[in-house]
């Protein structure tokens, strides 16, 4: 299904969100969180704190440094150090266990295989448009089979504030030397992808296949229910 809420102006760049847009991220995140927790729970002092300890420390980290919410990698790393420091580990032990726990998370986090049909779609689109990625996530794209599909990859935290803030869209336009209306951004989230693109002056496509609730009440320029509907934009 493809529905046009507004007329699409000519564009030269297709910008993709990654998680839950080009692959199902839910089982990947679940596995990554489990890998981290399995490492931490092998430490008796940590396990004794109970299942809510991580979330409490995560919330405390955000209170201490609100800017961490724009960088999920640093938020996780800071929370690991905070959680372990509160348990009386030495500085060296904190550094060791925090590093090992994060690496367990990161290894599972990037254990992604994008389907062949999506890769073929991107290859097809790349013959007509410049393809880039703009993500709030911390997936390491060089570690799986999207690593050579984009001319530019921008990640929240590393390159600027998280969507829906305009920073990553602004940087993309400046880097590619295009106007923001030349960018068509595709993503699964109304709150981050569509709101961010709309507010910044980019054009927006909402991949509506998550059955999720969102706060943003604005409309995407285009709504689709299957990523392959993007072939509609290929010029004959």
C-alpha atoms as a PDB file:
ATOM      1  CA  UNK A   1       0.000   0.000   0.000  1.00  0.00           C
ATOM      2  CA  UNK A   2       1.157   3.517  -0.778  1.00  0.00           C
ATOM      3  CA  UNK A   3      -0.773   6.616   0.207  1.00  0.00           C
ATOM      4  CA  UNK A   4       0.163  10.181  -0.680  1.00  0.00           C
ATOM      5  CA  UNK A   5      -0.844  12.762   1.897  1.00  0.00           C
ATOM      6  CA  UNK A   6       0.990  15.538   0.053  1.00  0.00           C
ATOM      7  CA  UNK A   7       2.444  15.826  -3.413  1.00  0.00           C
ATOM      8  CA  UNK A   8       6.092  14.751  -3.536  1.00  0.00           C
ATOM      9  CA  UNK A   9       8.503  17.266  -5.006  1.00  0.00           C
ATOM     10  CA  UNK A  10      11.493  16.076  -7.040  1.00  0.00           C
ATOM     11  CA  UNK A  11      14.266  14.683  -4.813  1.00  0.00           C
ATOM     12  CA  UNK A  12      17.735  13.259  -5.350  1.00  0.00           C
ATOM     13  CA  UNK A  13      18.509  11.654  -1.979  1.00  0.00           C
ATOM     14  CA  UNK A  14      16.813   8.792  -0.166  1.00  0.00           C
ATOM     15  CA  UNK A  15      17.604   8.758   3.541  1.00  0.00           C
ATOM     16  CA  UNK A  16      16.881   5.597   5.526  1.00  0.00           C
ATOM     17  CA  UNK A  17      16.372   4.930   9.157  1.00  0.00           C
ATOM     18  CA  UNK A  18      17.942   1.537   9.959  1.00  0.00           C
ATOM     19  CA  UNK A  19      16.392  -0.281  12.931  1.00  0.00           C
ATOM     20  CA  UNK A  20      12.905  -1.628  12.166  1.00  0.00           C
ATOM     21  CA  UNK A  21      12.955   0.000   8.746  1.00  0.00           C
ATOM     22  CA  UNK A  22      15.386  -2.178   6.799  1.00  0.00           C
ATOM     23  CA  UNK A  23      15.296  -5.149   9.198  1.00  0.00           C
ATOM     24  CA  UNK A  24      13.378  -6.324  12.246  1.00  0.00           C
ATOM     25  CA  UNK A  25      15.339  -4.968  15.180  1.00  0.00           C
ATOM     26  CA  UNK A  26      13.188  -6.347  18.011  1.00  0.00           C
ATOM     27  CA  UNK A  27      14.820  -9.811  18.314  1.00  0.00           C
ATOM     28  CA  UNK A  28      18.262  -8.276  17.803  1.00  0.00           C
ATOM     29  CA  UNK A  29      17.899  -5.822  20.683  1.00  0.00           C
ATOM     30  CA  UNK A  30      16.409  -8.546  22.875  1.00  0.00           C
ATOM     31  CA  UNK A  31      19.404 -10.794  22.203  1.00  0.00           C
ATOM     32  CA  UNK A  32      21.866  -7.948  22.789  1.00  0.00           C
ATOM     33  CA  UNK A  33      20.298  -6.969  26.109  1.00  0.00           C
ATOM     34  CA  UNK A  34      20.294 -10.625  27.180  1.00  0.00           C
ATOM     35  CA  UNK A  35      23.972 -10.992  26.277  1.00  0.00           C
ATOM     36  CA  UNK A  36      24.869  -7.984  28.403  1.00  0.00           C
ATOM     37  CA  UNK A  37      22.717  -9.135  31.324  1.00  0.00           C
ATOM     38  CA  UNK A  38      24.121 -12.652  31.171  1.00  0.00           C
ATOM     39  CA  UNK A  39      27.604 -11.238  31.594  1.00  0.00           C
ATOM     40  CA  UNK A  40      26.600  -8.921  34.428  1.00  0.00           C
ATOM     41  CA  UNK A  41      24.537 -11.540  36.247  1.00  0.00           C
ATOM     42  CA  UNK A  42      27.601 -13.778  36.399  1.00  0.00           C
ATOM     43  CA  UNK A  43      28.956 -11.196  38.850  1.00  0.00           C
ATOM     44  CA  UNK A  44      27.378 -12.117  42.225  1.00  0.00           C
ATOM     45  CA  UNK A  45      27.322  -8.534  43.509  1.00  0.00           C
ATOM     46  CA  UNK A  46      25.415  -7.420  40.438  1.00  0.00           C
ATOM     47  CA  UNK A  47      22.924 -10.276  40.396  1.00  0.00           C
ATOM     48  CA  UNK A  48      22.040  -9.597  44.027  1.00  0.00           C
ATOM     49  CA  UNK A  49      20.618  -6.190  43.052  1.00  0.00           C
ATOM     50  CA  UNK A  50      17.668  -7.746  41.228  1.00  0.00           C
ATOM     51  CA  UNK A  51      16.163  -7.260  37.770  1.00  0.00           C
ATOM     52  CA  UNK A  52      15.282  -3.561  38.199  1.00  0.00           C
ATOM     53  CA  UNK A  53      18.807  -2.453  39.026  1.00  0.00           C
ATOM     54  CA  UNK A  54      19.840  -1.743  35.434  1.00  0.00           C
ATOM     55  CA  UNK A  55      16.835   0.451  34.732  1.00  0.00           C
ATOM     56  CA  UNK A  56      17.324   2.400  37.953  1.00  0.00           C
ATOM     57  CA  UNK A  57      20.951   3.070  37.064  1.00  0.00           C
ATOM     58  CA  UNK A  58      20.002   4.002  33.511  1.00  0.00           C
ATOM     59  CA  UNK A  59      17.501   6.570  34.764  1.00  0.00           C
ATOM     60  CA  UNK A  60      20.044   7.936  37.229  1.00  0.00           C
ATOM     61  CA  UNK A  61      22.624   8.294  34.463  1.00  0.00           C
ATOM     62  CA  UNK A  62      20.161  10.324  32.389  1.00  0.00           C
ATOM     63  CA  UNK A  63      19.403  12.554  35.378  1.00  0.00           C
ATOM     64  CA  UNK A  64      23.097  13.162  35.936  1.00  0.00           C
ATOM     65  CA  UNK A  65      23.814  13.825  32.263  1.00  0.00           C
ATOM     66  CA  UNK A  66      20.627  14.571  30.260  1.00  0.00           C
ATOM     67  CA  UNK A  67      22.631  14.908  27.052  1.00  0.00           C
ATOM     68  CA  UNK A  68      23.226  11.141  27.119  1.00  0.00           C
ATOM     69  CA  UNK A  69      19.731  10.609  25.706  1.00  0.00           C
ATOM     70  CA  UNK A  70      21.075  11.768  22.338  1.00  0.00           C
ATOM     71  CA  UNK A  71      23.834   9.141  22.384  1.00  0.00           C
ATOM     72  CA  UNK A  72      22.608   5.657  23.255  1.00  0.00           C
ATOM     73  CA  UNK A  73      26.124   4.198  23.103  1.00  0.00           C
ATOM     74  CA  UNK A  74      27.526   6.590  25.687  1.00  0.00           C
ATOM     75  CA  UNK A  75      24.347   6.265  27.761  1.00  0.00           C
ATOM     76  CA  UNK A  76      24.850   2.507  27.951  1.00  0.00           C
ATOM     77  CA  UNK A  77      28.554   2.788  28.701  1.00  0.00           C
ATOM     78  CA  UNK A  78      27.972   5.431  31.379  1.00  0.00           C
ATOM     79  CA  UNK A  79      25.238   3.312  32.954  1.00  0.00           C
ATOM     80  CA  UNK A  80      27.526   0.284  33.057  1.00  0.00           C
ATOM     81  CA  UNK A  81      30.233   2.245  34.860  1.00  0.00           C
ATOM     82  CA  UNK A  82      27.697   3.746  37.239  1.00  0.00           C
ATOM     83  CA  UNK A  83      26.030   0.415  38.033  1.00  0.00           C
ATOM     84  CA  UNK A  84      29.321  -1.336  38.727  1.00  0.00           C
ATOM     85  CA  UNK A  85      30.871   1.550  40.667  1.00  0.00           C
ATOM     86  CA  UNK A  86      27.951   1.550  43.101  1.00  0.00           C
ATOM     87  CA  UNK A  87      28.705  -2.093  43.959  1.00  0.00           C
ATOM     88  CA  UNK A  88      32.165  -1.502  45.349  1.00  0.00           C
ATOM     89  CA  UNK A  89      34.281  -2.833  42.486  1.00  0.00           C
ATOM     90  CA  UNK A  90      37.725  -1.305  42.108  1.00  0.00           C
ATOM     91  CA  UNK A  91      38.308   1.192  39.321  1.00  0.00           C
ATOM     92  CA  UNK A  92      40.151  -1.456  37.326  1.00  0.00           C
ATOM     93  CA  UNK A  93      37.378  -4.010  37.867  1.00  0.00           C
ATOM     94  CA  UNK A  94      34.736  -1.497  36.832  1.00  0.00           C
ATOM     95  CA  UNK A  95      36.633  -0.729  33.614  1.00  0.00           C
ATOM     96  CA  UNK A  96      37.119  -4.414  32.824  1.00  0.00           C
ATOM     97  CA  UNK A  97      33.559  -5.543  33.499  1.00  0.00           C
ATOM     98  CA  UNK A  98      31.991  -2.502  31.837  1.00  0.00           C
ATOM     99  CA  UNK A  99      34.049  -3.113  28.706  1.00  0.00           C
ATOM    100  CA  UNK A 100      33.268  -6.825  28.632  1.00  0.00           C
ATOM    101  CA  UNK A 101      29.558  -6.276  29.220  1.00  0.00           C
ATOM    102  CA  UNK A 102      29.358  -3.632  26.503  1.00  0.00           C
ATOM    103  CA  UNK A 103      31.246  -5.834  24.043  1.00  0.00           C
ATOM    104  CA  UNK A 104      28.811  -8.667  24.742  1.00  0.00           C
ATOM    105  CA  UNK A 105      25.973  -6.270  23.917  1.00  0.00           C
ATOM    106  CA  UNK A 106      27.668  -4.847  20.817  1.00  0.00           C
ATOM    107  CA  UNK A 107      28.528  -8.248  19.351  1.00  0.00           C
ATOM    108  CA  UNK A 108      24.907  -9.378  19.567  1.00  0.00           C
ATOM    109  CA  UNK A 109      23.632  -5.933  18.529  1.00  0.00           C
ATOM    110  CA  UNK A 110      25.360  -6.200  15.169  1.00  0.00           C
ATOM    111  CA  UNK A 111      24.434  -9.829  14.543  1.00  0.00           C
ATOM    112  CA  UNK A 112      22.161  -8.753  11.698  1.00  0.00           C
ATOM    113  CA  UNK A 113      21.536 -10.206   8.278  1.00  0.00           C
ATOM    114  CA  UNK A 114      19.478  -7.955   6.024  1.00  0.00           C
ATOM    115  CA  UNK A 115      17.353  -9.984   3.625  1.00  0.00           C
ATOM    116  CA  UNK A 116      18.427 -10.379   0.008  1.00  0.00           C
ATOM    117  CA  UNK A 117      15.249  -8.746  -1.268  1.00  0.00           C
ATOM    118  CA  UNK A 118      15.924  -5.581   0.758  1.00  0.00           C
ATOM    119  CA  UNK A 119      19.536  -5.496  -0.441  1.00  0.00           C
ATOM    120  CA  UNK A 120      18.307  -5.837  -4.021  1.00  0.00           C
ATOM    121  CA  UNK A 121      15.829  -3.012  -3.429  1.00  0.00           C
ATOM    122  CA  UNK A 122      18.618  -0.737  -2.196  1.00  0.00           C
ATOM    123  CA  UNK A 123      20.804  -1.633  -5.170  1.00  0.00           C
ATOM    124  CA  UNK A 124      17.929  -0.795  -7.494  1.00  0.00           C
ATOM    125  CA  UNK A 125      17.208   2.523  -5.774  1.00  0.00           C
ATOM    126  CA  UNK A 126      20.907   3.405  -5.777  1.00  0.00           C
ATOM    127  CA  UNK A 127      20.848   3.488  -9.575  1.00  0.00           C
ATOM    128  CA  UNK A 128      18.475   6.442  -9.375  1.00  0.00           C
ATOM    129  CA  UNK A 129      19.127   8.208  -6.053  1.00  0.00           C
ATOM    130  CA  UNK A 130      21.904   8.894  -3.566  1.00  0.00           C
ATOM    131  CA  UNK A 131      21.286   6.602  -0.595  1.00  0.00           C
ATOM    132  CA  UNK A 132      22.214   7.604   2.953  1.00  0.00           C
ATOM    133  CA  UNK A 133      21.298   6.415   6.452  1.00  0.00           C
ATOM    134  CA  UNK A 134      20.280   8.549   9.440  1.00  0.00           C
ATOM    135  CA  UNK A 135      19.785   6.601  12.653  1.00  0.00           C
ATOM    136  CA  UNK A 136      19.290   7.184  16.352  1.00  0.00           C
ATOM    137  CA  UNK A 137      20.586   3.685  17.067  1.00  0.00           C
ATOM    138  CA  UNK A 138      24.040   2.396  17.879  1.00  0.00           C
ATOM    139  CA  UNK A 139      24.267  -0.457  15.411  1.00  0.00           C
ATOM    140  CA  UNK A 140      27.740  -0.809  13.873  1.00  0.00           C
ATOM    141  CA  UNK A 141      26.819  -0.910  10.211  1.00  0.00           C
ATOM    142  CA  UNK A 142      30.304  -1.931   9.117  1.00  0.00           C
ATOM    143  CA  UNK A 143      29.788  -5.258  10.897  1.00  0.00           C
ATOM    144  CA  UNK A 144      26.943  -6.571   8.747  1.00  0.00           C
ATOM    145  CA  UNK A 145      25.701  -6.608   5.187  1.00  0.00           C
ATOM    146  CA  UNK A 146      24.572  -2.989   4.887  1.00  0.00           C
ATOM    147  CA  UNK A 147      28.143  -1.749   5.224  1.00  0.00           C
ATOM    148  CA  UNK A 148      28.563  -0.732   1.559  1.00  0.00           C
ATOM    149  CA  UNK A 149      25.039   0.379   0.695  1.00  0.00           C
ATOM    150  CA  UNK A 150      25.135   4.061   1.720  1.00  0.00           C
ATOM    151  CA  UNK A 151      27.191   7.039   0.657  1.00  0.00           C
ATOM    152  CA  UNK A 152      26.791   8.569   4.119  1.00  0.00           C
ATOM    153  CA  UNK A 153      25.812   7.165   7.528  1.00  0.00           C
ATOM    154  CA  UNK A 154      24.946   9.585  10.345  1.00  0.00           C
ATOM    155  CA  UNK A 155      24.331   8.359  13.886  1.00  0.00           C
ATOM    156  CA  UNK A 156      22.857  10.226  16.826  1.00  0.00           C
ATOM    157  CA  UNK A 157      25.428  11.083  19.446  1.00  0.00           C
ATOM    158  CA  UNK A 158      28.397  10.524  17.192  1.00  0.00           C
ATOM    159  CA  UNK A 159      27.244  13.098  14.643  1.00  0.00           C
ATOM    160  CA  UNK A 160      24.642  15.176  16.461  1.00  0.00           C
ATOM    161  CA  UNK A 161      21.426  15.185  18.413  1.00  0.00           C
ATOM    162  CA  UNK A 162      18.915  12.385  17.956  1.00  0.00           C
ATOM    163  CA  UNK A 163      15.944  12.654  15.612  1.00  0.00           C
ATOM    164  CA  UNK A 164      13.548  14.469  15.621  1.00  0.00           C
ATOM    165  CA  UNK A 165      16.153  17.178  16.206  1.00  0.00           C
ATOM    166  CA  UNK A 166      17.280  18.729  12.935  1.00  0.00           C
ATOM    167  CA  UNK A 167      21.044  18.232  13.368  1.00  0.00           C
ATOM    168  CA  UNK A 168      21.471  14.991  11.438  1.00  0.00           C
ATOM    169  CA  UNK A 169      19.235  16.150   8.586  1.00  0.00           C
ATOM    170  CA  UNK A 170      21.089  19.458   8.434  1.00  0.00           C
ATOM    171  CA  UNK A 171      24.451  17.681   8.315  1.00  0.00           C
ATOM    172  CA  UNK A 172      23.277  15.357   5.570  1.00  0.00           C
ATOM    173  CA  UNK A 173      22.130  18.245   3.388  1.00  0.00           C
ATOM    174  CA  UNK A 174      25.361  20.180   3.995  1.00  0.00           C
ATOM    175  CA  UNK A 175      27.565  17.150   3.302  1.00  0.00           C
ATOM    176  CA  UNK A 176      25.748  16.289   0.064  1.00  0.00           C
ATOM    177  CA  UNK A 177      25.380  19.957  -0.955  1.00  0.00           C
ATOM    178  CA  UNK A 178      21.641  19.642  -1.524  1.00  0.00           C
ATOM    179  CA  UNK A 179      18.624  21.442  -0.142  1.00  0.00           C
ATOM    180  CA  UNK A 180      16.748  19.599   2.572  1.00  0.00           C
ATOM    181  CA  UNK A 181      13.699  19.284   0.342  1.00  0.00           C
ATOM    182  CA  UNK A 182      15.929  17.185  -1.949  1.00  0.00           C
ATOM    183  CA  UNK A 183      16.007  14.523   0.794  1.00  0.00           C
ATOM    184  CA  UNK A 184      13.243  11.950   1.132  1.00  0.00           C
ATOM    185  CA  UNK A 185      13.584  10.329   4.564  1.00  0.00           C
ATOM    186  CA  UNK A 186      12.084   6.875   5.152  1.00  0.00           C
ATOM    187  CA  UNK A 187      11.499   5.487   8.639  1.00  0.00           C
ATOM    188  CA  UNK A 188       9.206   3.486  10.871  1.00  0.00           C
ATOM    189  CA  UNK A 189       8.699   6.076  13.621  1.00  0.00           C
ATOM    190  CA  UNK A 190       6.286   8.982  13.439  1.00  0.00           C
ATOM    191  CA  UNK A 191       7.919  10.532  16.514  1.00  0.00           C
ATOM    192  CA  UNK A 192      11.513  10.523  15.305  1.00  0.00           C
ATOM    193  CA  UNK A 193      11.620   9.942  11.550  1.00  0.00           C
ATOM    194  CA  UNK A 194       8.509  11.673  10.256  1.00  0.00           C
ATOM    195  CA  UNK A 195       8.458  14.476  12.803  1.00  0.00           C
ATOM    196  CA  UNK A 196      12.160  15.107  12.307  1.00  0.00           C
ATOM    197  CA  UNK A 197      11.959  15.148   8.525  1.00  0.00           C
ATOM    198  CA  UNK A 198       8.815  17.289   8.471  1.00  0.00           C
ATOM    199  CA  UNK A 199      10.143  19.853  10.936  1.00  0.00           C
ATOM    200  CA  UNK A 200      13.477  20.117   9.153  1.00  0.00           C
ATOM    201  CA  UNK A 201      12.104  20.631   5.660  1.00  0.00           C
ATOM    202  CA  UNK A 202      12.903  17.191   4.292  1.00  0.00           C
ATOM    203  CA  UNK A 203      10.208  15.059   2.691  1.00  0.00           C
ATOM    204  CA  UNK A 204       8.982  12.053   4.637  1.00  0.00           C
ATOM    205  CA  UNK A 205       7.865   8.474   4.121  1.00  0.00           C
ATOM    206  CA  UNK A 206       6.360   6.571   7.044  1.00  0.00           C
ATOM    207  CA  UNK A 207       6.790   2.803   6.954  1.00  0.00           C
ATOM    208  CA  UNK A 208       3.673   1.918   8.916  1.00  0.00           C
ATOM    209  CA  UNK A 209       4.215  -1.740   9.780  1.00  0.00           C
ATOM    210  CA  UNK A 210       4.995  -1.698  13.514  1.00  0.00           C
ATOM    211  CA  UNK A 211       1.526  -1.403  15.110  1.00  0.00           C
ATOM    212  CA  UNK A 212       3.056   1.068  17.560  1.00  0.00           C
ATOM    213  CA  UNK A 213       1.618   4.128  19.294  1.00  0.00           C
ATOM    214  CA  UNK A 214       3.164   7.522  18.655  1.00  0.00           C
ATOM    215  CA  UNK A 215       2.730  10.998  20.109  1.00  0.00           C
ATOM    216  CA  UNK A 216       3.324  12.927  16.885  1.00  0.00           C
ATOM    217  CA  UNK A 217       0.058  13.814  15.180  1.00  0.00           C
ATOM    218  CA  UNK A 218       1.457  15.144  11.909  1.00  0.00           C
ATOM    219  CA  UNK A 219       1.231  13.323   8.616  1.00  0.00           C
ATOM    220  CA  UNK A 220       4.066  11.911   6.587  1.00  0.00           C
ATOM    221  CA  UNK A 221       4.115  13.046   2.981  1.00  0.00           C
ATOM    222  CA  UNK A 222       3.767   9.394   2.021  1.00  0.00           C
ATOM    223  CA  UNK A 223       2.658   6.331   3.983  1.00  0.00           C
ATOM    224  CA  UNK A 224       3.622   2.793   3.000  1.00  0.00           C
ATOM    225  CA  UNK A 225       3.119  -0.585   4.642  1.00  0.00           C
ATOM    226  CA  UNK A 226       5.909  -2.416   2.825  1.00  0.00           C
ATOM    227  CA  UNK A 227       9.413  -1.150   2.138  1.00  0.00           C
ATOM    228  CA  UNK A 228       9.236  -2.422  -1.440  1.00  0.00           C
ATOM    229  CA  UNK A 229       6.619   0.229  -2.225  1.00  0.00           C
ATOM    230  CA  UNK A 230       9.593   2.574  -2.633  1.00  0.00           C
ATOM    231  CA  UNK A 231      10.043   1.194  -6.142  1.00  0.00           C
ATOM    232  CA  UNK A 232       7.168   3.526  -7.033  1.00  0.00           C
ATOM    233  CA  UNK A 233       9.687   6.391  -7.014  1.00  0.00           C
ATOM    234  CA  UNK A 234      12.050   4.843  -9.538  1.00  0.00           C
ATOM    235  CA  UNK A 235      12.071   6.882 -12.686  1.00  0.00           C
ATOM    236  CA  UNK A 236      11.346   4.907 -15.816  1.00  0.00           C
END
